[in-house]
Amino acid sequence: MTEAFKYFGLTMPKFTIGYGVFLLLWGTVVSLISGSQSITSWIPALLGIPICLMGFLAIVKPAGIKIWSHIAVLFGLVAFLGGFDFFRGLFSDGGAFGNPTAAISKIMLLTTGAVYVFGCLKSFKWARRQRQ
């Protein structure tokens, strides 16, 4: 048996849990510190919960790792695509920095979502090669 795929030194299920926890903490801390009354400030946390759960399920129920991984990458893709909303803000009244906290959160979603999805795609490619 070959060694498991690692991304930034972690197996993908552990990296997935870490990314989910990061999003959960980011959404919580930013929402509380900014005093935001908007549900949209909780979007990173709301995306982090299922990502973290899928990473946990991949560890405790490895027979379903394919489905857990694919569900997690879908939420990661939503995070990445949601981050593009930053650019919409550049062209609206008040600009992207009318609300700097929101702008920073969108950039965070864009960049971390890209890094996560890229890792998932590399992992899927690695897994496919291992089966052949």
Protein backbone atom coordinates (compact mmCIF):
# COMPACT_ATOMS: atom_id res chain seq x y z
CA MET A 1 0.00 0.00 0.00
CA THR A 2 1.27 3.46 -0.86
CA GLU A 3 1.56 6.29 1.58
CA ALA A 4 -1.42 8.65 1.73
CA PHE A 5 -1.47 11.86 -0.29
CA LYS A 6 -0.25 14.82 1.74
CA TYR A 7 -0.90 18.50 1.19
CA PHE A 8 1.07 20.99 3.26
CA GLY A 9 2.26 17.97 5.25
CA LEU A 10 -1.25 16.77 6.15
CA THR A 11 -3.51 14.08 4.79
CA MET A 12 -6.46 15.60 2.95
CA PRO A 13 -8.99 14.63 5.65
CA LYS A 14 -6.87 16.40 8.28
CA PHE A 15 -6.29 19.38 5.98
CA THR A 16 -10.05 19.48 5.34
CA ILE A 17 -10.80 19.54 9.07
CA GLY A 18 -8.22 22.29 9.53
CA TYR A 19 -9.68 24.36 6.71
CA GLY A 20 -13.20 23.88 8.04
CA VAL A 21 -12.15 24.92 11.56
CA PHE A 22 -10.32 27.94 10.11
CA LEU A 23 -13.46 29.07 8.26
CA LEU A 24 -15.61 28.48 11.33
CA LEU A 25 -13.28 30.51 13.54
CA TRP A 26 -12.88 33.26 10.94
CA GLY A 27 -16.62 33.71 10.51
CA THR A 28 -17.22 33.68 14.26
CA VAL A 29 -14.38 36.03 15.21
CA VAL A 30 -15.01 38.51 12.38
CA SER A 31 -18.76 38.59 13.11
CA LEU A 32 -18.26 39.12 16.84
CA ILE A 33 -15.42 41.65 16.57
CA SER A 34 -17.14 43.71 13.88
CA GLY A 35 -20.46 43.57 15.71
CA SER A 36 -22.11 42.70 12.41
CA GLN A 37 -25.84 42.14 12.51
CA SER A 38 -25.77 40.61 9.02
CA ILE A 39 -26.05 36.87 8.47
CA THR A 40 -23.64 37.24 5.56
CA SER A 41 -20.75 37.83 7.95
CA TRP A 42 -21.32 34.24 9.12
CA ILE A 43 -20.93 32.77 5.61
CA PRO A 44 -17.34 31.54 6.20
CA ALA A 45 -18.48 29.75 9.37
CA LEU A 46 -21.50 28.29 7.61
CA LEU A 47 -19.20 26.90 4.89
CA GLY A 48 -16.66 25.69 7.44
CA ILE A 49 -19.12 23.49 9.32
CA PRO A 50 -19.85 21.02 6.48
CA ILE A 51 -16.23 21.09 5.28
CA CYS A 52 -15.03 20.18 8.76
CA LEU A 53 -17.74 17.52 9.10
CA MET A 54 -16.75 15.90 5.79
CA GLY A 55 -13.10 15.76 6.88
CA PHE A 56 -14.15 14.14 10.15
CA LEU A 57 -16.36 11.62 8.34
CA ALA A 58 -13.49 10.77 5.97
CA ILE A 59 -11.45 9.76 9.01
CA VAL A 60 -14.09 7.88 11.01
CA LYS A 61 -15.89 6.30 8.03
CA PRO A 62 -13.10 5.78 5.47
CA ALA A 63 -15.29 3.52 3.31
CA GLY A 64 -17.12 6.66 2.19
CA ILE A 65 -14.06 8.84 1.70
CA LYS A 66 -14.89 9.41 -1.97
CA ILE A 67 -18.30 10.90 -1.26
CA TRP A 68 -17.11 12.88 1.79
CA SER A 69 -14.23 14.32 -0.23
CA HIS A 70 -16.45 15.29 -3.14
CA ILE A 71 -18.98 16.98 -0.86
CA ALA A 72 -16.16 18.87 0.90
CA VAL A 73 -14.67 20.10 -2.38
CA LEU A 74 -18.10 21.36 -3.47
CA PHE A 75 -18.29 23.52 -0.35
CA GLY A 76 -14.70 24.62 -0.97
CA LEU A 77 -15.68 25.58 -4.51
CA VAL A 78 -18.60 27.62 -3.13
CA ALA A 79 -16.14 29.42 -0.83
CA PHE A 80 -13.79 30.12 -3.75
CA LEU A 81 -16.55 31.33 -6.07
CA GLY A 82 -18.15 33.38 -3.31
CA GLY A 83 -14.87 35.21 -2.88
CA PHE A 84 -15.25 36.62 -6.38
CA ASP A 85 -17.98 38.85 -4.95
CA PHE A 86 -15.11 41.10 -3.87
CA PHE A 87 -14.74 42.22 -7.49
CA ARG A 88 -18.44 43.10 -7.76
CA GLY A 89 -17.90 45.43 -4.82
CA LEU A 90 -15.16 47.25 -6.72
CA PHE A 91 -17.74 48.57 -9.16
CA SER A 92 -20.60 49.35 -6.78
CA ASP A 93 -21.34 52.47 -4.75
CA GLY A 94 -18.95 52.72 -1.83
CA GLY A 95 -16.45 50.44 -3.57
CA ALA A 96 -15.04 47.22 -2.18
CA PHE A 97 -13.85 49.00 0.91
CA GLY A 98 -17.18 50.51 1.87
CA ASN A 99 -17.12 47.61 4.33
CA PRO A 100 -13.46 46.59 4.74
CA THR A 101 -14.31 43.62 6.96
CA ALA A 102 -16.51 42.13 4.26
CA ALA A 103 -13.90 42.85 1.58
CA ILE A 104 -11.18 41.10 3.58
CA SER A 105 -13.44 38.10 4.22
CA LYS A 106 -14.21 37.82 0.50
CA ILE A 107 -10.51 37.95 -0.40
CA MET A 108 -9.87 35.30 2.28
CA LEU A 109 -12.60 33.05 0.79
CA LEU A 110 -11.21 33.55 -2.71
CA THR A 111 -7.62 32.72 -1.82
CA THR A 112 -8.14 29.95 0.72
CA GLY A 113 -10.90 28.42 -1.39
CA ALA A 114 -8.51 28.32 -4.36
CA VAL A 115 -5.76 26.71 -2.28
CA TYR A 116 -8.21 24.14 -0.86
CA VAL A 117 -9.83 23.24 -4.20
CA PHE A 118 -6.39 22.97 -5.82
CA GLY A 119 -5.30 20.54 -3.07
CA CYS A 120 -8.48 18.51 -3.50
CA LEU A 121 -7.96 18.26 -7.25
CA LYS A 122 -4.35 17.16 -6.74
CA SER A 123 -5.58 14.58 -4.22
CA PHE A 124 -8.24 13.25 -6.61
CA LYS A 125 -5.66 12.98 -9.38
CA TRP A 126 -3.25 11.18 -7.03
CA ALA A 127 -5.99 8.73 -5.92
CA ARG A 128 -6.91 7.96 -9.51
CA ARG A 129 -3.26 7.19 -10.33
CA GLN A 130 -3.04 4.87 -7.31
CA ARG A 131 -5.99 2.80 -8.55
CA GLN A 132 -4.42 2.25 -12.00
